[in-house]
Amino acid sequence: MRITPLDIQQKQFPMKLRGFDVEEVYAFLEVIREEMEDLLRENANLRENIQRLDNQMKEYRDMETTLRETLLTAQQLVEDYKMNARKEAELVVREAELRSDTLLKEAQEKVIKIHEDIVDLKGIRRHFKEEVKRLVESHLRMLEFDKERGQEDNGEETKEE
């Protein structure tokens, strides 16, 4: 059975011979009633505080859960970003290697073409040199022939005079 402050206030004691001082008993009961009211009020406040703290703790736990989930999501995003960056870097490297191979092949083909052109030009130069040499020799022969003919003509003229 729970006793309330009202129970204490309303409690009546029967009078007996040589009993307690009634005023002192009632005064003491009044003090007990007031103390009990204070304790009940404090108890109610403590229960409210416990409820409020429980609610706060639940909120904090919810926040902690949310933060953990957010952290895990962020970590996953970072890992995904790193993986994508690696893949992209590998792709860029592969493309650069292919491009460099292509450029190298094109450069080698140009070198071969230039070498072939040089060989062709050397052949043309040699041929041109030979032609010029033949032409010069031919002109020299013609000049010598003209010179010999001129001398023969001069010799005939001198004899006729």
N, C-alpha and C. Protein backbone atom coordinates (compact mmCIF):
# COMPACT_ATOMS: atom_id res chain seq x y z
N MET A 1 0.84 -1.17 0.00
CA MET A 1 0.00 0.00 0.00
C MET A 1 0.89 1.24 0.00
N ARG A 2 0.62 2.13 -0.92
CA ARG A 2 1.40 3.35 -1.03
C ARG A 2 0.73 4.44 -0.21
N ILE A 3 1.56 5.16 0.49
CA ILE A 3 1.04 6.26 1.32
C ILE A 3 1.31 7.56 0.60
N THR A 4 0.28 8.38 0.52
CA THR A 4 0.43 9.69 -0.12
C THR A 4 0.48 10.77 0.95
N PRO A 5 0.91 11.97 0.63
CA PRO A 5 0.89 13.06 1.60
C PRO A 5 -0.52 13.33 2.12
N LEU A 6 -1.51 13.13 1.31
CA LEU A 6 -2.90 13.34 1.75
C LEU A 6 -3.28 12.31 2.80
N ASP A 7 -2.81 11.05 2.63
CA ASP A 7 -3.05 10.00 3.63
C ASP A 7 -2.45 10.41 4.97
N ILE A 8 -1.26 10.97 4.90
CA ILE A 8 -0.59 11.39 6.15
C ILE A 8 -1.36 12.54 6.79
N GLN A 9 -1.82 13.47 5.98
CA GLN A 9 -2.53 14.63 6.51
C GLN A 9 -3.87 14.23 7.12
N GLN A 10 -4.53 13.28 6.55
CA GLN A 10 -5.85 12.90 7.01
C GLN A 10 -5.84 11.80 8.07
N LYS A 11 -4.68 11.29 8.39
CA LYS A 11 -4.59 10.20 9.36
C LYS A 11 -5.06 10.70 10.74
N GLN A 12 -5.90 9.95 11.36
CA GLN A 12 -6.42 10.26 12.71
C GLN A 12 -5.98 9.14 13.64
N PHE A 13 -5.49 9.53 14.77
CA PHE A 13 -5.08 8.55 15.78
C PHE A 13 -6.10 8.58 16.92
N PRO A 14 -6.51 7.43 17.41
CA PRO A 14 -7.46 7.43 18.53
C PRO A 14 -6.76 7.85 19.81
N MET A 15 -7.46 8.48 20.67
CA MET A 15 -6.89 8.98 21.92
C MET A 15 -7.01 7.91 22.98
N LYS A 16 -5.94 7.77 23.68
CA LYS A 16 -5.91 6.83 24.79
C LYS A 16 -5.36 7.55 25.99
N LEU A 17 -5.54 6.96 27.01
CA LEU A 17 -5.03 7.52 28.26
C LEU A 17 -3.51 7.48 28.21
N ARG A 18 -2.94 8.46 28.64
CA ARG A 18 -1.49 8.61 28.63
C ARG A 18 -0.96 8.39 27.21
N GLY A 19 -1.54 8.97 26.24
CA GLY A 19 -1.12 8.89 24.85
C GLY A 19 -0.14 10.00 24.50
N PHE A 20 0.14 10.10 23.20
CA PHE A 20 1.07 11.11 22.71
C PHE A 20 0.43 12.46 22.72
N ASP A 21 1.33 13.50 22.70
CA ASP A 21 0.84 14.86 22.58
C ASP A 21 0.31 15.01 21.16
N VAL A 22 -0.97 15.28 21.06
CA VAL A 22 -1.66 15.32 19.77
C VAL A 22 -1.05 16.39 18.87
N GLU A 23 -0.80 17.55 19.38
CA GLU A 23 -0.25 18.63 18.56
C GLU A 23 1.13 18.25 18.03
N GLU A 24 1.95 17.60 18.85
CA GLU A 24 3.29 17.20 18.42
C GLU A 24 3.18 16.12 17.32
N VAL A 25 2.27 15.18 17.48
CA VAL A 25 2.09 14.13 16.47
C VAL A 25 1.66 14.77 15.17
N TYR A 26 0.66 15.69 15.24
CA TYR A 26 0.17 16.34 14.01
C TYR A 26 1.25 17.22 13.37
N ALA A 27 2.04 17.87 14.20
CA ALA A 27 3.13 18.69 13.67
C ALA A 27 4.16 17.80 12.96
N PHE A 28 4.46 16.66 13.58
CA PHE A 28 5.42 15.73 12.98
C PHE A 28 4.87 15.16 11.67
N LEU A 29 3.60 14.82 11.68
CA LEU A 29 2.97 14.30 10.45
C LEU A 29 2.99 15.36 9.35
N GLU A 30 2.79 16.61 9.75
CA GLU A 30 2.85 17.70 8.76
C GLU A 30 4.24 17.79 8.14
N VAL A 31 5.29 17.66 8.97
CA VAL A 31 6.66 17.69 8.45
C VAL A 31 6.90 16.52 7.52
N ILE A 32 6.43 15.36 7.91
CA ILE A 32 6.59 14.16 7.07
C ILE A 32 5.85 14.34 5.75
N ARG A 33 4.61 14.89 5.85
CA ARG A 33 3.82 15.13 4.63
C ARG A 33 4.55 16.06 3.68
N GLU A 34 5.10 17.16 4.22
CA GLU A 34 5.81 18.13 3.38
C GLU A 34 7.07 17.49 2.75
N GLU A 35 7.80 16.70 3.55
CA GLU A 35 8.98 16.01 3.04
C GLU A 35 8.61 15.02 1.94
N MET A 36 7.48 14.32 2.19
CA MET A 36 7.04 13.34 1.21
C MET A 36 6.62 14.04 -0.08
N GLU A 37 5.93 15.19 0.04
CA GLU A 37 5.56 15.95 -1.16
C GLU A 37 6.81 16.38 -1.92
N ASP A 38 7.81 16.85 -1.17
CA ASP A 38 9.06 17.26 -1.82
C ASP A 38 9.71 16.07 -2.52
N LEU A 39 9.74 14.93 -1.83
CA LEU A 39 10.35 13.74 -2.42
C LEU A 39 9.58 13.28 -3.67
N LEU A 40 8.25 13.33 -3.58
CA LEU A 40 7.44 12.94 -4.74
C LEU A 40 7.65 13.91 -5.91
N ARG A 41 7.71 15.20 -5.60
CA ARG A 41 7.96 16.21 -6.63
C ARG A 41 9.35 15.97 -7.26
N GLU A 42 10.35 15.73 -6.38
CA GLU A 42 11.71 15.49 -6.86
C GLU A 42 11.74 14.21 -7.70
N ASN A 43 11.02 13.20 -7.23
CA ASN A 43 10.95 11.94 -7.97
C ASN A 43 10.32 12.17 -9.35
N ALA A 44 9.23 12.96 -9.39
CA ALA A 44 8.58 13.26 -10.68
C ALA A 44 9.54 14.01 -11.59
N ASN A 45 10.26 14.99 -11.02
CA ASN A 45 11.25 15.74 -11.81
C ASN A 45 12.34 14.82 -12.34
N LEU A 46 12.79 13.91 -11.46
CA LEU A 46 13.83 12.98 -11.88
C LEU A 46 13.33 12.06 -12.99
N ARG A 47 12.08 11.62 -12.86
CA ARG A 47 11.50 10.77 -13.92
C ARG A 47 11.41 11.55 -15.23
N GLU A 48 11.00 12.83 -15.15
CA GLU A 48 10.95 13.65 -16.36
C GLU A 48 12.35 13.81 -16.97
N ASN A 49 13.32 14.05 -16.07
CA ASN A 49 14.71 14.19 -16.56
C ASN A 49 15.18 12.89 -17.21
N ILE A 50 14.85 11.76 -16.56
CA ILE A 50 15.23 10.46 -17.13
C ILE A 50 14.59 10.30 -18.50
N GLN A 51 13.31 10.65 -18.60
CA GLN A 51 12.59 10.52 -19.87
C GLN A 51 13.24 11.44 -20.93
N ARG A 52 13.52 12.69 -20.52
CA ARG A 52 14.14 13.65 -21.43
C ARG A 52 15.52 13.16 -21.86
N LEU A 53 16.30 12.63 -20.88
CA LEU A 53 17.64 12.13 -21.20
C LEU A 53 17.57 10.87 -22.07
N ASP A 54 16.57 10.03 -21.79
CA ASP A 54 16.38 8.85 -22.65
C ASP A 54 16.08 9.29 -24.09
N ASN A 55 15.21 10.30 -24.21
CA ASN A 55 14.88 10.81 -25.55
C ASN A 55 16.13 11.40 -26.23
N GLN A 56 16.92 12.16 -25.45
CA GLN A 56 18.15 12.73 -26.00
C GLN A 56 19.11 11.61 -26.42
N MET A 57 19.22 10.59 -25.55
CA MET A 57 20.11 9.49 -25.86
C MET A 57 19.65 8.79 -27.13
N LYS A 58 18.34 8.63 -27.29
CA LYS A 58 17.82 8.01 -28.51
C LYS A 58 18.17 8.87 -29.72
N GLU A 59 18.01 10.19 -29.57
CA GLU A 59 18.36 11.09 -30.66
C GLU A 59 19.85 10.97 -30.98
N TYR A 60 20.68 10.94 -29.95
CA TYR A 60 22.12 10.83 -30.16
C TYR A 60 22.48 9.50 -30.82
N ARG A 61 21.80 8.44 -30.39
CA ARG A 61 22.06 7.14 -31.03
C ARG A 61 21.64 7.17 -32.49
N ASP A 62 20.48 7.81 -32.75
CA ASP A 62 20.04 7.95 -34.14
C ASP A 62 21.05 8.77 -34.94
N MET A 63 21.54 9.85 -34.32
CA MET A 63 22.55 10.68 -34.99
C MET A 63 23.82 9.88 -35.23
N GLU A 64 24.21 9.08 -34.23
CA GLU A 64 25.41 8.26 -34.36
C GLU A 64 25.24 7.27 -35.51
N THR A 65 24.06 6.65 -35.57
CA THR A 65 23.79 5.71 -36.65
C THR A 65 23.85 6.41 -37.99
N THR A 66 23.24 7.59 -38.05
CA THR A 66 23.26 8.36 -39.29
C THR A 66 24.68 8.74 -39.66
N LEU A 67 25.46 9.17 -38.66
CA LEU A 67 26.85 9.55 -38.93
C LEU A 67 27.67 8.34 -39.40
N ARG A 68 27.45 7.20 -38.76
CA ARG A 68 28.16 5.99 -39.19
C ARG A 68 27.81 5.64 -40.64
N GLU A 69 26.51 5.69 -40.94
CA GLU A 69 26.07 5.38 -42.31
C GLU A 69 26.66 6.39 -43.29
N THR A 70 26.65 7.66 -42.89
CA THR A 70 27.22 8.70 -43.75
C THR A 70 28.71 8.48 -43.95
N LEU A 71 29.38 8.13 -42.87
CA LEU A 71 30.83 7.87 -42.95
C LEU A 71 31.10 6.67 -43.86
N LEU A 72 30.32 5.62 -43.69
CA LEU A 72 30.50 4.44 -44.55
C LEU A 72 30.22 4.79 -46.01
N THR A 73 29.18 5.57 -46.23
CA THR A 73 28.85 6.00 -47.60
C THR A 73 29.98 6.85 -48.17
N ALA A 74 30.49 7.77 -47.34
CA ALA A 74 31.59 8.63 -47.79
C ALA A 74 32.82 7.78 -48.11
N GLN A 75 33.12 6.81 -47.24
CA GLN A 75 34.27 5.94 -47.49
C GLN A 75 34.08 5.15 -48.78
N GLN A 76 32.87 4.67 -48.99
CA GLN A 76 32.58 3.92 -50.21
C GLN A 76 32.74 4.82 -51.43
N LEU A 77 32.24 6.07 -51.31
CA LEU A 77 32.38 7.02 -52.42
C LEU A 77 33.85 7.31 -52.70
N VAL A 78 34.63 7.46 -51.65
CA VAL A 78 36.06 7.71 -51.83
C VAL A 78 36.72 6.52 -52.52
N GLU A 79 36.38 5.31 -52.08
CA GLU A 79 36.94 4.12 -52.71
C GLU A 79 36.51 4.04 -54.18
N ASP A 80 35.23 4.31 -54.43
CA ASP A 80 34.74 4.30 -55.82
C ASP A 80 35.47 5.36 -56.64
N TYR A 81 35.65 6.54 -56.05
CA TYR A 81 36.34 7.63 -56.76
C TYR A 81 37.78 7.23 -57.07
N LYS A 82 38.46 6.61 -56.08
CA LYS A 82 39.84 6.17 -56.30
C LYS A 82 39.89 5.13 -57.42
N MET A 83 38.95 4.17 -57.36
CA MET A 83 38.93 3.11 -58.36
C MET A 83 38.67 3.71 -59.75
N ASN A 84 37.71 4.62 -59.83
CA ASN A 84 37.42 5.26 -61.11
C ASN A 84 38.61 6.08 -61.60
N ALA A 85 39.27 6.76 -60.67
CA ALA A 85 40.44 7.55 -61.05
C ALA A 85 41.55 6.64 -61.57
N ARG A 86 41.76 5.49 -60.90
CA ARG A 86 42.77 4.54 -61.37
C ARG A 86 42.43 4.02 -62.76
N LYS A 87 41.15 3.65 -62.93
CA LYS A 87 40.72 3.14 -64.24
C LYS A 87 40.90 4.20 -65.31
N GLU A 88 40.51 5.42 -64.98
CA GLU A 88 40.65 6.51 -65.94
C GLU A 88 42.12 6.77 -66.26
N ALA A 89 42.96 6.72 -65.23
CA ALA A 89 44.40 6.92 -65.45
C ALA A 89 44.95 5.80 -66.33
N GLU A 90 44.54 4.56 -66.07
CA GLU A 90 44.99 3.45 -66.90
C GLU A 90 44.54 3.63 -68.35
N LEU A 91 43.30 4.09 -68.52
CA LEU A 91 42.78 4.32 -69.86
C LEU A 91 43.58 5.42 -70.56
N VAL A 92 43.87 6.49 -69.84
CA VAL A 92 44.65 7.59 -70.42
C VAL A 92 46.04 7.09 -70.79
N VAL A 93 46.64 6.28 -69.92
CA VAL A 93 47.98 5.74 -70.21
C VAL A 93 47.92 4.84 -71.44
N ARG A 94 46.91 3.98 -71.50
CA ARG A 94 46.78 3.10 -72.67
C ARG A 94 46.60 3.90 -73.96
N GLU A 95 45.73 4.93 -73.88
CA GLU A 95 45.52 5.77 -75.06
C GLU A 95 46.82 6.48 -75.45
N ALA A 96 47.55 6.96 -74.46
CA ALA A 96 48.82 7.64 -74.73
C ALA A 96 49.82 6.67 -75.34
N GLU A 97 49.86 5.44 -74.83
CA GLU A 97 50.76 4.44 -75.40
C GLU A 97 50.40 4.14 -76.85
N LEU A 98 49.09 3.97 -77.10
CA LEU A 98 48.65 3.70 -78.47
C LEU A 98 48.99 4.88 -79.38
N ARG A 99 48.74 6.07 -78.87
CA ARG A 99 49.04 7.29 -79.65
C ARG A 99 50.55 7.39 -79.91
N SER A 100 51.34 7.11 -78.88
CA SER A 100 52.79 7.19 -79.06
C SER A 100 53.26 6.13 -80.04
N ASP A 101 52.67 4.92 -79.97
CA ASP A 101 53.02 3.87 -80.93
C ASP A 101 52.68 4.31 -82.36
N THR A 102 51.52 4.91 -82.51
CA THR A 102 51.09 5.39 -83.82
C THR A 102 52.04 6.48 -84.32
N LEU A 103 52.34 7.44 -83.43
CA LEU A 103 53.25 8.52 -83.83
C LEU A 103 54.63 7.97 -84.16
N LEU A 104 55.10 7.01 -83.38
CA LEU A 104 56.40 6.41 -83.62
C LEU A 104 56.41 5.68 -84.97
N LYS A 105 55.34 4.94 -85.22
CA LYS A 105 55.23 4.22 -86.49
C LYS A 105 55.21 5.21 -87.66
N GLU A 106 54.43 6.29 -87.50
CA GLU A 106 54.37 7.31 -88.55
C GLU A 106 55.75 7.95 -88.76
N ALA A 107 56.44 8.23 -87.67
CA ALA A 107 57.78 8.82 -87.77
C ALA A 107 58.73 7.86 -88.46
N GLN A 108 58.66 6.57 -88.11
CA GLN A 108 59.53 5.59 -88.75
C GLN A 108 59.23 5.50 -90.25
N GLU A 109 57.93 5.53 -90.58
CA GLU A 109 57.55 5.49 -92.00
C GLU A 109 58.07 6.73 -92.73
N LYS A 110 58.01 7.89 -92.06
CA LYS A 110 58.55 9.12 -92.67
C LYS A 110 60.06 9.01 -92.85
N VAL A 111 60.74 8.45 -91.84
CA VAL A 111 62.19 8.28 -91.95
C VAL A 111 62.51 7.36 -93.13
N ILE A 112 61.77 6.28 -93.25
CA ILE A 112 61.98 5.35 -94.37
C ILE A 112 61.72 6.07 -95.69
N LYS A 113 60.65 6.83 -95.76
CA LYS A 113 60.30 7.58 -96.98
C LYS A 113 61.39 8.59 -97.31
N ILE A 114 61.85 9.31 -96.28
CA ILE A 114 62.92 10.29 -96.50
C ILE A 114 64.19 9.58 -96.98
N HIS A 115 64.49 8.46 -96.36
CA HIS A 115 65.68 7.69 -96.78
C HIS A 115 65.53 7.26 -98.25
N GLU A 116 64.33 6.76 -98.60
CA GLU A 116 64.07 6.37 -99.99
C GLU A 116 64.22 7.58 -100.91
N ASP A 117 63.67 8.73 -100.49
CA ASP A 117 63.79 9.95 -101.29
C ASP A 117 65.26 10.34 -101.46
N ILE A 118 66.03 10.20 -100.38
CA ILE A 118 67.46 10.52 -100.45
C ILE A 118 68.16 9.60 -101.45
N VAL A 119 67.85 8.30 -101.37
CA VAL A 119 68.44 7.34 -102.31
C VAL A 119 68.03 7.70 -103.73
N ASP A 120 66.73 8.03 -103.92
CA ASP A 120 66.26 8.42 -105.26
C ASP A 120 66.97 9.68 -105.74
N LEU A 121 67.09 10.67 -104.84
CA LEU A 121 67.76 11.92 -105.21
C LEU A 121 69.23 11.69 -105.53
N LYS A 122 69.88 10.79 -104.78
CA LYS A 122 71.27 10.46 -105.09
C LYS A 122 71.36 9.83 -106.47
N GLY A 123 70.42 8.95 -106.77
CA GLY A 123 70.40 8.32 -108.11
C GLY A 123 70.18 9.37 -109.18
N ILE A 124 69.24 10.29 -108.94
CA ILE A 124 68.96 11.37 -109.91
C ILE A 124 70.19 12.24 -110.07
N ARG A 125 70.84 12.56 -108.93
CA ARG A 125 72.05 13.39 -109.00
C ARG A 125 73.14 12.68 -109.81
N ARG A 126 73.33 11.40 -109.52
CA ARG A 126 74.35 10.63 -110.24
C ARG A 126 74.01 10.61 -111.73
N HIS A 127 72.71 10.36 -112.02
CA HIS A 127 72.28 10.33 -113.42
C HIS A 127 72.49 11.71 -114.05
N PHE A 128 72.12 12.78 -113.30
CA PHE A 128 72.26 14.14 -113.81
C PHE A 128 73.74 14.45 -114.03
N LYS A 129 74.58 14.01 -113.09
CA LYS A 129 76.02 14.22 -113.23
C LYS A 129 76.54 13.52 -114.48
N GLU A 130 76.11 12.29 -114.70
CA GLU A 130 76.53 11.54 -115.87
C GLU A 130 76.08 12.23 -117.14
N GLU A 131 74.83 12.72 -117.12
CA GLU A 131 74.29 13.41 -118.30
C GLU A 131 75.06 14.69 -118.56
N VAL A 132 75.33 15.44 -117.45
CA VAL A 132 76.09 16.68 -117.62
C VAL A 132 77.49 16.36 -118.14
N LYS A 133 78.08 15.30 -117.59
CA LYS A 133 79.41 14.88 -118.01
C LYS A 133 79.39 14.50 -119.48
N ARG A 134 78.41 13.73 -119.91
CA ARG A 134 78.28 13.34 -121.32
C ARG A 134 78.07 14.57 -122.19
N LEU A 135 77.23 15.47 -121.68
CA LEU A 135 76.96 16.67 -122.44
C LEU A 135 78.23 17.51 -122.59
N VAL A 136 78.96 17.66 -121.45
CA VAL A 136 80.21 18.43 -121.48
C VAL A 136 81.20 17.75 -122.43
N GLU A 137 81.31 16.41 -122.31
CA GLU A 137 82.23 15.69 -123.19
C GLU A 137 81.82 15.83 -124.64
N SER A 138 80.52 15.77 -124.87
CA SER A 138 80.00 15.91 -126.23
C SER A 138 80.32 17.30 -126.76
N HIS A 139 80.13 18.32 -125.93
CA HIS A 139 80.42 19.69 -126.34
C HIS A 139 81.92 19.87 -126.55
N LEU A 140 82.71 19.23 -125.68
CA LEU A 140 84.16 19.31 -125.86
C LEU A 140 84.56 18.67 -127.18
N ARG A 141 84.00 17.52 -127.48
CA ARG A 141 84.30 16.86 -128.75
C ARG A 141 83.89 17.74 -129.93
N MET A 142 82.73 18.37 -129.75
CA MET A 142 82.27 19.25 -130.82
C MET A 142 83.21 20.44 -130.97
N LEU A 143 83.64 20.96 -129.82
CA LEU A 143 84.57 22.09 -129.87
C LEU A 143 85.89 21.65 -130.50
N GLU A 144 86.35 20.46 -130.11
CA GLU A 144 87.59 19.95 -130.69
C GLU A 144 87.41 19.71 -132.18
N PHE A 145 86.26 19.17 -132.54
CA PHE A 145 85.98 18.92 -133.94
C PHE A 145 85.95 20.24 -134.70
N ASP A 146 85.27 21.24 -134.11
CA ASP A 146 85.19 22.56 -134.73
C ASP A 146 86.58 23.17 -134.82
N LYS A 147 87.35 22.95 -133.80
CA LYS A 147 88.71 23.50 -133.76
C LYS A 147 89.54 22.82 -134.84
N GLU A 148 89.44 21.50 -134.96
CA GLU A 148 90.19 20.78 -135.97
C GLU A 148 89.72 21.20 -137.36
N ARG A 149 88.48 21.35 -137.50
CA ARG A 149 87.91 21.77 -138.77
C ARG A 149 88.33 23.18 -139.09
N GLY A 150 88.37 23.97 -138.00
CA GLY A 150 88.80 25.36 -138.20
C GLY A 150 90.25 25.41 -138.61
N GLN A 151 91.06 24.57 -138.08
CA GLN A 151 92.48 24.54 -138.42
C GLN A 151 92.64 24.03 -139.84
N GLU A 152 91.84 23.07 -140.19
CA GLU A 152 91.91 22.56 -141.55
C GLU A 152 91.50 23.64 -142.52
N ASP A 153 90.48 24.38 -142.13
CA ASP A 153 90.00 25.46 -142.98
C ASP A 153 91.07 26.54 -143.05
N ASN A 154 91.73 26.83 -141.98
CA ASN A 154 92.78 27.84 -141.95
C ASN A 154 93.96 27.37 -142.78
N GLY A 155 94.26 26.13 -142.74
CA GLY A 155 95.38 25.59 -143.50
C GLY A 155 95.09 25.65 -144.97
N GLU A 156 93.91 25.47 -145.42
CA GLU A 156 93.55 25.51 -146.82
C GLU A 156 93.57 26.95 -147.29
N GLU A 157 93.18 27.82 -146.42
CA GLU A 157 93.16 29.23 -146.80
C GLU A 157 94.59 29.72 -146.95
N THR A 158 95.46 29.26 -146.06
CA THR A 158 96.84 29.70 -146.15
C THR A 158 97.48 29.13 -147.40
N LYS A 159 97.14 28.01 -147.84
CA LYS A 159 97.73 27.42 -149.03
C LYS A 159 97.22 28.14 -150.25
N GLU A 160 96.05 28.59 -150.28
CA GLU A 160 95.46 29.22 -151.42
C GLU A 160 96.05 30.63 -151.59
N GLU A 161 96.50 31.20 -150.62
CA GLU A 161 97.00 32.55 -150.75
C GLU A 161 98.32 32.48 -151.36
